[in-house]
Amino acid sequence: MEIIAKLRAEYPDSLLVMATMHDDRTLIDQAFVAGVDVFLVKPHGFMELYRRLQEVDAKHGIVA
């Protein structure tokens, strides 16, 4: 959580993604409080990550 908070403070406009195998409500809540934008539970969350990255690419006009 410390790293997330530091990254959020240093790069406020960045998209912060946390991926973990721990599906714990307290951890999820702490991650969002620390500044995470997307919380993924492995392994199933990686399709969500792919979808979100495509949305960011489309928003910024990036063609893959």
C-alpha atoms as a PDB file:
ATOM      1  CA  MET A   1       0.000   0.000   0.000  1.00  0.00           C
ATOM      2  CA  GLU A   2       2.931   2.313   0.658  1.00  0.00           C
ATOM      3  CA  ILE A   3       4.133   1.976  -2.927  1.00  0.00           C
ATOM      4  CA  ILE A   4       0.676   2.732  -4.291  1.00  0.00           C
ATOM      5  CA  ALA A   5       0.383   5.866  -2.163  1.00  0.00           C
ATOM      6  CA  LYS A   6       3.861   7.027  -3.235  1.00  0.00           C
ATOM      7  CA  LEU A   7       3.132   6.393  -6.903  1.00  0.00           C
ATOM      8  CA  ARG A   8      -0.205   8.211  -6.657  1.00  0.00           C
ATOM      9  CA  ALA A   9       1.473  11.212  -5.008  1.00  0.00           C
ATOM     10  CA  GLU A  10       4.301  11.333  -7.546  1.00  0.00           C
ATOM     11  CA  TYR A  11       2.219  10.535 -10.644  1.00  0.00           C
ATOM     12  CA  PRO A  12      -1.314  11.784  -9.907  1.00  0.00           C
ATOM     13  CA  ASP A  13      -2.566  11.365 -13.487  1.00  0.00           C
ATOM     14  CA  SER A  14      -1.322   7.808 -13.955  1.00  0.00           C
ATOM     15  CA  LEU A  15      -3.503   4.703 -14.066  1.00  0.00           C
ATOM     16  CA  LEU A  16      -2.533   2.460 -11.159  1.00  0.00           C
ATOM     17  CA  VAL A  17      -3.446  -1.215 -11.392  1.00  0.00           C
ATOM     18  CA  MET A  18      -3.044  -3.695  -8.550  1.00  0.00           C
ATOM     19  CA  ALA A  19      -3.140  -7.396  -9.383  1.00  0.00           C
ATOM     20  CA  THR A  20      -3.123 -10.019  -6.657  1.00  0.00           C
ATOM     21  CA  MET A  21      -4.416 -13.492  -5.959  1.00  0.00           C
ATOM     22  CA  HIS A  22      -5.920 -12.311  -2.650  1.00  0.00           C
ATOM     23  CA  ASP A  23      -9.647 -11.699  -2.991  1.00  0.00           C
ATOM     24  CA  ASP A  24     -10.083  -9.897   0.317  1.00  0.00           C
ATOM     25  CA  ARG A  25     -12.541  -7.013   0.787  1.00  0.00           C
ATOM     26  CA  THR A  26     -10.326  -5.234   3.331  1.00  0.00           C
ATOM     27  CA  LEU A  27      -7.338  -5.368   0.973  1.00  0.00           C
ATOM     28  CA  ILE A  28      -9.449  -4.109  -1.914  1.00  0.00           C
ATOM     29  CA  ASP A  29     -10.742  -1.196   0.163  1.00  0.00           C
ATOM     30  CA  GLN A  30      -7.216  -0.327   1.346  1.00  0.00           C
ATOM     31  CA  ALA A  31      -5.935  -0.377  -2.228  1.00  0.00           C
ATOM     32  CA  PHE A  32      -8.568   2.115  -3.396  1.00  0.00           C
ATOM     33  CA  VAL A  33      -7.953   4.377  -0.403  1.00  0.00           C
ATOM     34  CA  ALA A  34      -4.212   4.291  -1.232  1.00  0.00           C
ATOM     35  CA  GLY A  35      -4.964   5.426  -4.796  1.00  0.00           C
ATOM     36  CA  VAL A  36      -5.374   2.378  -7.015  1.00  0.00           C
ATOM     37  CA  ASP A  37      -7.652   2.809 -10.049  1.00  0.00           C
ATOM     38  CA  VAL A  38      -8.148  -0.851 -10.935  1.00  0.00           C
ATOM     39  CA  PHE A  39      -7.967  -3.869  -8.616  1.00  0.00           C
ATOM     40  CA  LEU A  40      -7.662  -7.269 -10.301  1.00  0.00           C
ATOM     41  CA  VAL A  41      -7.814 -10.711  -8.749  1.00  0.00           C
ATOM     42  CA  LYS A  42      -5.559 -13.167 -10.590  1.00  0.00           C
ATOM     43  CA  PRO A  43      -5.912 -15.099 -12.769  1.00  0.00           C
ATOM     44  CA  HIS A  44      -9.403 -14.059 -13.866  1.00  0.00           C
ATOM     45  CA  GLY A  45      -8.791 -10.332 -13.664  1.00  0.00           C
ATOM     46  CA  PHE A  46      -6.388 -10.214 -16.581  1.00  0.00           C
ATOM     47  CA  MET A  47      -9.165 -10.112 -19.183  1.00  0.00           C
ATOM     48  CA  GLU A  48     -10.502  -7.087 -17.324  1.00  0.00           C
ATOM     49  CA  LEU A  49      -7.024  -5.521 -17.479  1.00  0.00           C
ATOM     50  CA  TYR A  50      -6.875  -6.144 -21.228  1.00  0.00           C
ATOM     51  CA  ARG A  51     -10.318  -4.553 -21.696  1.00  0.00           C
ATOM     52  CA  ARG A  52      -9.378  -1.514 -19.603  1.00  0.00           C
ATOM     53  CA  LEU A  53      -6.115  -1.013 -21.487  1.00  0.00           C
ATOM     54  CA  GLN A  54      -8.028  -1.110 -24.764  1.00  0.00           C
ATOM     55  CA  GLU A  55     -10.340   1.597 -23.407  1.00  0.00           C
ATOM     56  CA  VAL A  56      -7.367   3.764 -22.451  1.00  0.00           C
ATOM     57  CA  ASP A  57      -5.820   3.240 -25.899  1.00  0.00           C
ATOM     58  CA  ALA A  58      -9.066   4.226 -27.590  1.00  0.00           C
ATOM     59  CA  LYS A  59      -9.460   7.280 -25.360  1.00  0.00           C
ATOM     60  CA  HIS A  60      -5.963   8.477 -26.240  1.00  0.00           C
ATOM     61  CA  GLY A  61      -6.144   7.516 -29.921  1.00  0.00           C
ATOM     62  CA  ILE A  62      -3.537   4.756 -29.655  1.00  0.00           C
ATOM     63  CA  VAL A  63      -3.859   1.974 -32.220  1.00  0.00           C
ATOM     64  CA  ALA A  64      -2.458  -1.415 -31.261  1.00  0.00           C
END
